[in-house]
Every structure is written in C-alpha cells, then in structure tokens.
C-alpha atoms as a PDB file:
ATOM      1  CA  MET A   1     134.048 118.403 199.621  1.00  0.00           C
ATOM      2  CA  THR A   2     136.410 116.358 197.384  1.00  0.00           C
ATOM      3  CA  GLY A   3     138.169 119.276 195.602  1.00  0.00           C
ATOM      4  CA  SER A   4     139.672 122.642 196.735  1.00  0.00           C
ATOM      5  CA  VAL A   5     137.727 125.319 198.685  1.00  0.00           C
ATOM      6  CA  LEU A   6     138.384 128.955 198.573  1.00  0.00           C
ATOM      7  CA  LEU A   7     137.094 131.816 200.916  1.00  0.00           C
ATOM      8  CA  VAL A   8     137.861 135.380 199.521  1.00  0.00           C
ATOM      9  CA  GLY A   9     137.432 137.584 202.526  1.00  0.00           C
ATOM     10  CA  GLY A  10     139.139 135.141 204.901  1.00  0.00           C
ATOM     11  CA  SER A  11     138.734 137.262 207.871  1.00  0.00           C
ATOM     12  CA  SER A  12     135.068 137.678 207.409  1.00  0.00           C
ATOM     13  CA  GLU A  13     132.839 136.398 210.324  1.00  0.00           C
ATOM     14  CA  ILE A  14     129.904 135.719 208.087  1.00  0.00           C
ATOM     15  CA  GLY A  15     132.271 134.014 205.389  1.00  0.00           C
ATOM     16  CA  MET A  16     133.788 131.780 208.197  1.00  0.00           C
ATOM     17  CA  ALA A  17     130.428 130.869 209.350  1.00  0.00           C
ATOM     18  CA  VAL A  18     129.186 129.934 205.843  1.00  0.00           C
ATOM     19  CA  LEU A  19     132.485 128.019 205.252  1.00  0.00           C
ATOM     20  CA  MET A  20     132.130 125.985 208.475  1.00  0.00           C
ATOM     21  CA  GLN A  21     128.507 125.060 207.528  1.00  0.00           C
ATOM     22  CA  LEU A  22     129.518 123.764 203.971  1.00  0.00           C
ATOM     23  CA  LEU A  23     132.874 122.166 204.641  1.00  0.00           C
ATOM     24  CA  GLY A  24     131.906 118.821 205.715  1.00  0.00           C
ATOM     25  CA  PRO A  25     134.517 116.138 205.466  1.00  0.00           C
ATOM     26  CA  ALA A  26     138.105 117.455 204.950  1.00  0.00           C
ATOM     27  CA  PRO A  27     138.508 118.573 201.437  1.00  0.00           C
ATOM     28  CA  HIS A  28     142.088 118.438 199.740  1.00  0.00           C
ATOM     29  CA  GLN A  29     142.782 122.072 200.480  1.00  0.00           C
ATOM     30  CA  VAL A  30     141.174 125.200 202.090  1.00  0.00           C
ATOM     31  CA  THR A  31     142.594 128.539 201.041  1.00  0.00           C
ATOM     32  CA  LEU A  32     141.802 131.680 202.830  1.00  0.00           C
ATOM     33  CA  ALA A  33     142.377 134.774 200.770  1.00  0.00           C
ATOM     34  CA  GLY A  34     142.281 138.216 202.343  1.00  0.00           C
ATOM     35  CA  ARG A  35     144.085 141.119 203.992  1.00  0.00           C
ATOM     36  CA  LEU A  36     146.915 139.793 206.156  1.00  0.00           C
ATOM     37  CA  SER A  37     145.617 140.246 209.684  1.00  0.00           C
ATOM     38  CA  ALA A  38     145.303 138.624 212.955  1.00  0.00           C
ATOM     39  CA  GLU A  39     141.649 137.625 212.044  1.00  0.00           C
ATOM     40  CA  LEU A  40     142.914 135.946 209.098  1.00  0.00           C
ATOM     41  CA  TRP A  41     145.572 133.942 210.996  1.00  0.00           C
ATOM     42  CA  ARG A  42     142.961 132.976 213.790  1.00  0.00           C
ATOM     43  CA  ASN A  43     140.694 131.667 211.091  1.00  0.00           C
ATOM     44  CA  ALA A  44     143.276 129.548 209.562  1.00  0.00           C
ATOM     45  CA  GLU A  45     144.222 128.106 212.816  1.00  0.00           C
ATOM     46  CA  LYS A  46     140.506 127.269 213.867  1.00  0.00           C
ATOM     47  CA  LEU A  47     140.375 125.410 210.650  1.00  0.00           C
ATOM     48  CA  ARG A  48     143.605 123.544 211.246  1.00  0.00           C
ATOM     49  CA  ASP A  49     142.375 122.529 214.778  1.00  0.00           C
ATOM     50  CA  ALA A  50     139.176 121.146 213.090  1.00  0.00           C
ATOM     51  CA  GLY A  51     141.454 118.943 211.047  1.00  0.00           C
ATOM     52  CA  TYR A  52     141.281 120.876 207.700  1.00  0.00           C
ATOM     53  CA  PRO A  53     144.383 121.472 205.455  1.00  0.00           C
ATOM     54  CA  VAL A  54     144.747 125.326 205.178  1.00  0.00           C
ATOM     55  CA  SER A  55     146.743 127.897 203.296  1.00  0.00           C
ATOM     56  CA  THR A  56     146.548 131.505 203.303  1.00  0.00           C
ATOM     57  CA  THR A  57     147.107 134.134 200.568  1.00  0.00           C
ATOM     58  CA  GLU A  58     146.921 137.957 200.442  1.00  0.00           C
ATOM     59  CA  TYR A  59     143.912 139.554 198.568  1.00  0.00           C
ATOM     60  CA  ASP A  60     143.046 143.145 199.033  1.00  0.00           C
ATOM     61  CA  ALA A  61     140.057 144.680 197.059  1.00  0.00           C
ATOM     62  CA  THR A  62     141.562 148.169 197.626  1.00  0.00           C
ATOM     63  CA  LEU A  63     144.707 147.375 195.511  1.00  0.00           C
ATOM     64  CA  ASP A  64     145.072 147.611 191.693  1.00  0.00           C
ATOM     65  CA  THR A  65     145.606 143.910 191.659  1.00  0.00           C
ATOM     66  CA  ALA A  66     142.102 143.218 192.666  1.00  0.00           C
ATOM     67  CA  LEU A  67     140.986 144.343 189.196  1.00  0.00           C
ATOM     68  CA  ASP A  68     143.956 142.653 187.266  1.00  0.00           C
ATOM     69  CA  ALA A  69     142.954 139.431 185.469  1.00  0.00           C
ATOM     70  CA  GLY A  70     146.546 138.122 185.713  1.00  0.00           C
ATOM     71  CA  ALA A  71     146.894 138.634 189.281  1.00  0.00           C
ATOM     72  CA  LEU A  72     143.358 136.975 190.021  1.00  0.00           C
ATOM     73  CA  ASP A  73     144.467 134.015 187.849  1.00  0.00           C
ATOM     74  CA  LYS A  74     147.448 133.604 189.819  1.00  0.00           C
ATOM     75  CA  LEU A  75     145.542 133.580 193.142  1.00  0.00           C
ATOM     76  CA  LEU A  76     143.312 130.919 191.631  1.00  0.00           C
ATOM     77  CA  ASP A  77     146.020 129.018 190.285  1.00  0.00           C
ATOM     78  CA  ASP A  78     147.561 128.771 193.806  1.00  0.00           C
ATOM     79  CA  ALA A  79     144.340 128.025 195.368  1.00  0.00           C
ATOM     80  CA  CYS A  80     143.754 124.928 193.235  1.00  0.00           C
ATOM     81  CA  ALA A  81     147.081 123.908 191.986  1.00  0.00           C
ATOM     82  CA  ASP A  82     146.673 120.266 192.771  1.00  0.00           C
ATOM     83  CA  HIS A  83     142.949 119.644 192.771  1.00  0.00           C
ATOM     84  CA  PRO A  84     140.031 121.422 191.057  1.00  0.00           C
ATOM     85  CA  LEU A  85     138.024 124.272 192.688  1.00  0.00           C
ATOM     86  CA  GLU A  86     134.837 122.921 194.105  1.00  0.00           C
ATOM     87  CA  LEU A  87     133.510 125.617 196.181  1.00  0.00           C
ATOM     88  CA  ALA A  88     134.315 129.459 196.206  1.00  0.00           C
ATOM     89  CA  ILE A  89     132.677 131.820 198.851  1.00  0.00           C
ATOM     90  CA  VAL A  90     133.258 135.553 198.121  1.00  0.00           C
ATOM     91  CA  ALA A  91     132.767 137.459 201.279  1.00  0.00           C
ATOM     92  CA  VAL A  92     134.445 140.763 200.248  1.00  0.00           C
ATOM     93  CA  GLY A  93     132.917 144.082 201.486  1.00  0.00           C
ATOM     94  CA  SER A  94     133.247 147.090 203.556  1.00  0.00           C
ATOM     95  CA  MET A  95     131.195 149.888 205.039  1.00  0.00           C
ATOM     96  CA  SER A  96     134.289 151.932 206.022  1.00  0.00           C
ATOM     97  CA  ALA A  97     135.898 152.713 202.723  1.00  0.00           C
ATOM     98  CA  THR A  98     137.753 156.053 202.731  1.00  0.00           C
ATOM     99  CA  SER A  99     136.173 157.503 199.750  1.00  0.00           C
ATOM    100  CA  PHE A 100     132.908 156.892 197.552  1.00  0.00           C
ATOM    101  CA  ALA A 101     135.123 155.492 194.824  1.00  0.00           C
ATOM    102  CA  GLU A 102     136.983 153.147 196.992  1.00  0.00           C
ATOM    103  CA  GLY A 103     133.452 151.995 198.359  1.00  0.00           C
ATOM    104  CA  LEU A 104     132.219 151.153 194.772  1.00  0.00           C
ATOM    105  CA  THR A 105     135.605 149.247 194.037  1.00  0.00           C
ATOM    106  CA  VAL A 106     135.745 147.218 197.323  1.00  0.00           C
ATOM    107  CA  ASN A 107     132.131 146.248 197.287  1.00  0.00           C
ATOM    108  CA  GLY A 108     131.385 146.075 193.545  1.00  0.00           C
ATOM    109  CA  THR A 109     134.022 146.383 190.789  1.00  0.00           C
ATOM    110  CA  ALA A 110     136.636 144.174 192.549  1.00  0.00           C
ATOM    111  CA  VAL A 111     133.928 141.648 193.468  1.00  0.00           C
ATOM    112  CA  ALA A 112     132.776 141.578 189.716  1.00  0.00           C
ATOM    113  CA  SER A 113     136.186 141.054 188.520  1.00  0.00           C
ATOM    114  CA  LEU A 114     136.784 138.333 191.000  1.00  0.00           C
ATOM    115  CA  LEU A 115     133.498 136.576 189.882  1.00  0.00           C
ATOM    116  CA  HIS A 116     134.524 136.656 186.080  1.00  0.00           C
ATOM    117  CA  ALA A 117     137.892 134.953 187.046  1.00  0.00           C
ATOM    118  CA  LEU A 118     136.102 132.342 189.271  1.00  0.00           C
ATOM    119  CA  LEU A 119     133.476 131.459 186.769  1.00  0.00           C
ATOM    120  CA  ARG A 120     136.225 130.696 184.281  1.00  0.00           C
ATOM    121  CA  ARG A 121     137.348 127.821 186.682  1.00  0.00           C
ATOM    122  CA  LYS A 122     133.727 126.381 186.603  1.00  0.00           C
ATOM    123  CA  PRO A 123     133.686 125.400 190.324  1.00  0.00           C
ATOM    124  CA  ALA A 124     130.647 123.248 191.469  1.00  0.00           C
ATOM    125  CA  GLN A 125     129.297 126.169 193.568  1.00  0.00           C
ATOM    126  CA  ILE A 126     129.962 129.847 194.045  1.00  0.00           C
ATOM    127  CA  VAL A 127     128.544 131.606 197.354  1.00  0.00           C
ATOM    128  CA  LEU A 128     128.397 135.509 196.898  1.00  0.00           C
ATOM    129  CA  LEU A 129     127.582 137.350 200.139  1.00  0.00           C
ATOM    130  CA  SER A 130     125.597 140.335 198.914  1.00  0.00           C
ATOM    131  CA  SER A 131     123.270 142.369 200.950  1.00  0.00           C
ATOM    132  CA  ALA A 132     119.712 143.542 201.198  1.00  0.00           C
ATOM    133  CA  ALA A 133     121.145 146.996 200.392  1.00  0.00           C
ATOM    134  CA  ALA A 134     121.682 145.669 196.834  1.00  0.00           C
ATOM    135  CA  VAL A 135     118.054 145.533 196.122  1.00  0.00           C
ATOM    136  CA  ARG A 136     117.026 148.533 198.142  1.00  0.00           C
ATOM    137  CA  PRO A 137     119.971 151.063 198.244  1.00  0.00           C
ATOM    138  CA  ARG A 138     120.132 153.631 201.040  1.00  0.00           C
ATOM    139  CA  ALA A 139     121.563 157.098 200.964  1.00  0.00           C
ATOM    140  CA  SER A 140     123.320 156.702 204.231  1.00  0.00           C
ATOM    141  CA  ILE A 141     125.431 153.916 202.721  1.00  0.00           C
ATOM    142  CA  ALA A 142     125.279 154.837 199.109  1.00  0.00           C
ATOM    143  CA  ALA A 143     128.714 153.490 197.882  1.00  0.00           C
ATOM    144  CA  TYR A 144     128.344 150.246 199.834  1.00  0.00           C
ATOM    145  CA  SER A 145     124.798 149.709 198.423  1.00  0.00           C
ATOM    146  CA  LEU A 146     125.606 150.661 194.836  1.00  0.00           C
ATOM    147  CA  GLY A 147     128.745 148.270 194.955  1.00  0.00           C
ATOM    148  CA  LYS A 148     126.669 145.457 196.296  1.00  0.00           C
ATOM    149  CA  GLN A 149     123.982 146.108 193.660  1.00  0.00           C
ATOM    150  CA  LEU A 150     126.803 145.551 191.024  1.00  0.00           C
ATOM    151  CA  ALA A 151     128.220 142.418 192.686  1.00  0.00           C
ATOM    152  CA  ASP A 152     124.738 140.983 193.109  1.00  0.00           C
ATOM    153  CA  SER A 153     123.717 141.525 189.421  1.00  0.00           C
ATOM    154  CA  THR A 154     127.148 140.143 188.109  1.00  0.00           C
ATOM    155  CA  GLY A 155     126.637 137.021 190.201  1.00  0.00           C
ATOM    156  CA  LEU A 156     123.137 136.391 188.914  1.00  0.00           C
ATOM    157  CA  LEU A 157     124.017 137.083 185.268  1.00  0.00           C
ATOM    158  CA  LEU A 158     127.253 135.215 185.064  1.00  0.00           C
ATOM    159  CA  GLY A 159     125.513 132.257 186.701  1.00  0.00           C
ATOM    160  CA  ARG A 160     122.766 132.124 184.140  1.00  0.00           C
ATOM    161  CA  GLN A 161     125.311 132.595 181.277  1.00  0.00           C
ATOM    162  CA  THR A 162     127.806 129.999 182.502  1.00  0.00           C
ATOM    163  CA  GLY A 163     125.684 127.322 183.991  1.00  0.00           C
ATOM    164  CA  VAL A 164     127.844 127.502 187.201  1.00  0.00           C
ATOM    165  CA  ARG A 165     125.656 127.228 190.375  1.00  0.00           C
ATOM    166  CA  VAL A 166     125.896 130.809 191.987  1.00  0.00           C
ATOM    167  CA  LEU A 167     124.081 131.567 195.305  1.00  0.00           C
ATOM    168  CA  VAL A 168     123.450 135.161 196.057  1.00  0.00           C
ATOM    169  CA  VAL A 169     122.930 135.833 199.726  1.00  0.00           C
ATOM    170  CA  ARG A 170     121.224 138.774 200.744  1.00  0.00           C
ATOM    171  CA  PRO A 171     121.261 139.327 204.487  1.00  0.00           C
ATOM    172  CA  GLY A 172     120.055 142.393 206.202  1.00  0.00           C
ATOM    173  CA  PHE A 173     121.749 143.630 209.333  1.00  0.00           C
ATOM    174  CA  VAL A 174     124.250 141.114 210.786  1.00  0.00           C
ATOM    175  CA  THR A 175     126.035 141.507 214.144  1.00  0.00           C
ATOM    176  CA  THR A 176     129.645 141.452 213.302  1.00  0.00           C
ATOM    177  CA  ARG A 177     132.762 143.638 213.810  1.00  0.00           C
ATOM    178  CA  MET A 178     131.814 145.840 210.854  1.00  0.00           C
ATOM    179  CA  THR A 179     128.374 146.671 212.412  1.00  0.00           C
ATOM    180  CA  ALA A 180     129.564 146.966 216.083  1.00  0.00           C
ATOM    181  CA  GLY A 181     128.292 150.110 217.732  1.00  0.00           C
ATOM    182  CA  LEU A 182     125.550 150.631 215.259  1.00  0.00           C
ATOM    183  CA  PRO A 183     121.984 150.565 216.223  1.00  0.00           C
ATOM    184  CA  LYS A 184     120.508 146.973 216.009  1.00  0.00           C
ATOM    185  CA  PRO A 185     117.492 147.140 213.799  1.00  0.00           C
ATOM    186  CA  PRO A 186     114.585 144.662 213.642  1.00  0.00           C
ATOM    187  CA  LEU A 187     115.308 141.435 211.716  1.00  0.00           C
ATOM    188  CA  ALA A 188     118.944 141.464 212.603  1.00  0.00           C
ATOM    189  CA  SER A 189     120.687 138.122 212.248  1.00  0.00           C
ATOM    190  CA  THR A 190     124.020 136.563 213.397  1.00  0.00           C
ATOM    191  CA  PRO A 191     126.828 134.934 211.157  1.00  0.00           C
ATOM    192  CA  GLU A 192     125.772 131.549 212.227  1.00  0.00           C
ATOM    193  CA  GLN A 193     122.179 132.254 211.130  1.00  0.00           C
ATOM    194  CA  VAL A 194     123.475 133.304 207.826  1.00  0.00           C
ATOM    195  CA  GLY A 195     125.512 130.113 207.535  1.00  0.00           C
ATOM    196  CA  ARG A 196     122.631 127.830 208.280  1.00  0.00           C
ATOM    197  CA  ARG A 197     120.353 129.702 205.745  1.00  0.00           C
ATOM    198  CA  VAL A 198     123.181 129.418 203.197  1.00  0.00           C
ATOM    199  CA  ALA A 199     123.670 125.657 203.829  1.00  0.00           C
ATOM    200  CA  ALA A 200     120.046 125.031 203.178  1.00  0.00           C
ATOM    201  CA  ALA A 201     120.010 127.083 200.142  1.00  0.00           C
ATOM    202  CA  VAL A 202     122.881 125.266 198.714  1.00  0.00           C
ATOM    203  CA  GLU A 203     121.204 122.049 199.360  1.00  0.00           C
ATOM    204  CA  ALA A 204     118.169 123.123 197.654  1.00  0.00           C
ATOM    205  CA  GLN A 205     120.102 124.585 194.565  1.00  0.00           C
ATOM    206  CA  LYS A 206     118.586 128.056 194.916  1.00  0.00           C
ATOM    207  CA  THR A 207     119.948 131.091 193.320  1.00  0.00           C
ATOM    208  CA  VAL A 208     118.942 133.768 195.784  1.00  0.00           C
ATOM    209  CA  VAL A 209     118.526 133.515 199.659  1.00  0.00           C
ATOM    210  CA  TRP A 210     117.438 136.213 202.027  1.00  0.00           C
ATOM    211  CA  VAL A 211     118.477 136.288 205.666  1.00  0.00           C
ATOM    212  CA  PRO A 212     116.282 136.162 207.626  1.00  0.00           C
ATOM    213  CA  GLY A 213     113.683 134.625 205.153  1.00  0.00           C
ATOM    214  CA  VAL A 214     111.265 137.464 205.855  1.00  0.00           C
ATOM    215  CA  MET A 215     113.891 140.042 204.797  1.00  0.00           C
ATOM    216  CA  GLY A 216     112.771 139.876 201.194  1.00  0.00           C
ATOM    217  CA  PHE A 217     109.134 140.528 201.981  1.00  0.00           C
ATOM    218  CA  ALA A 218     110.212 143.437 204.245  1.00  0.00           C
ATOM    219  CA  VAL A 219     112.303 144.938 201.308  1.00  0.00           C
ATOM    220  CA  ARG A 220     109.468 144.722 198.993  1.00  0.00           C
ATOM    221  CA  VAL A 221     107.183 146.486 201.550  1.00  0.00           C
ATOM    222  CA  LEU A 222     109.528 149.166 202.325  1.00  0.00           C
ATOM    223  CA  GLY A 223     109.783 149.856 198.554  1.00  0.00           C
ATOM    224  CA  LEU A 224     106.164 150.767 198.495  1.00  0.00           C
ATOM    225  CA  VAL A 225     106.444 153.346 201.219  1.00  0.00           C
ATOM    226  CA  PRO A 226     107.602 156.939 200.328  1.00  0.00           C
ATOM    227  CA  ARG A 227     111.106 157.420 201.331  1.00  0.00           C
ATOM    228  CA  LYS A 228     110.319 160.779 202.867  1.00  0.00           C
ATOM    229  CA  LEU A 229     108.053 159.075 205.549  1.00  0.00           C
ATOM    230  CA  LEU A 230     110.690 156.722 206.692  1.00  0.00           C
ATOM    231  CA  PRO A 231     113.298 157.220 209.430  1.00  0.00           C
ATOM    232  CA  ALA A 232     116.510 158.919 207.976  1.00  0.00           C
ATOM    233  CA  GLY A 233     118.710 155.871 208.298  1.00  0.00           C
ATOM    234  CA  TRP A 234     116.155 153.684 206.402  1.00  0.00           C
ATOM    235  CA  ARG A 235     115.907 156.077 203.214  1.00  0.00           C
END
C-alpha cells in the first residue's frame, strides 16, 4: 500500500483480519473509524506494534451523522488529508440492534451512504463485508438480512457505475464476539479464514467472494427447498 488505508468498523474482528491480510508494507496512514471502545484502541495498538502509522476517529452507524454527507466527507477528509485513499474496508454491521429500524440503518442505510461518499474519492479498492444473509434473508434476523441486502446491492451497483474496484464479501456464520453463544452451524468460518479468502479475491480482482467458497452453492440449494421444511432458524 502506498496511499492511505481506512477501516470503517475499526473494532470488527473480521475487518481487522481482512486489513492485516491486505496491508503489506506500511502505507502512509491507517485510519480506524468506529465506536470509541476498548476494542478500537486495542486494534490501533496492535497495528502500531506491527509498525504501521495509525489514527482513530469516531464513526457510529446509529447516529444521524452516519447519514449526513457533510459529516462523511469530513471523516474521509481526515482519513486521507495528506495522501490519496488507496484501500477502504467497510466492516459495519450488528445483529443486536435495539429496533427493526435501527437494524436497517446500521446494516444498510448507513453503509449505503458511506459507500456513496467513499466512491466519490475513487480509491483503488473497496472491500465491503456483506453476508450470505443478503442473498438469502432469514426471518430470525430480518432487519440484519434486509440491511445487508441493501448494502450488498449498493456496493455492486456503484462499483459498476464508477469503475472503482468493489469486492463484496459474503460470509456465512463467522465465529466472533457478535456470534458468541449462538449454535455453530455447518460451514462456519473464522475471521482469519475470511481474511485469506478476501486477499485472494482482491488479487484476482473479483467482485464477489463467498466464505467459505462452497457457501454460494449451499445458499442456492437452500433456495430450492420450501422454507417450511427447514429448521426454524434457517427460514
């Protein structure tokens, strides 16, 4: 990396795993944007210990500023004040929103607004962490699924319109803090496995990658099965 690198969702385990796979030699600046938390500070220190120049800034997808073009432009101005933005990783999302409306905003509307702002900067690469649930929504996580659907579609559409390389990442179940305590289904993966798949997909200049690779096939097969025949959590 020769320009600036931005990770939005700076406390995300998956986002950090992707970032560490893609960074390579130290870029001019790495910015972690996210809710101010112990996880954000720990991730910043981890990068500094590895020799990367790091700054942090606040980004909260539940706030009105996440939908404000001016506020988003300021965030990006600060992230690439001295050097062009080369790589942006968007790892924003939550399955524990306090309401259906907040779930749609955090996972969808806020991410779509952020992608619009990012694409105006024309970075070399954007990596959007979507979900298999964007392709096959589930009733048990309806707001999360529908929000991810919006973000997923926005990334693909804007990538085609602007010519910026956008990689949409569709993992299934990933073992993280967010999924702790949930039953571990077949085809579960780890953040590190997601990171390695993303790195290979970026190298190959793909627009979509499933994690694991067989997940895309599994989703298509499930789509052929009447939902009433599936376990409740899969419907």
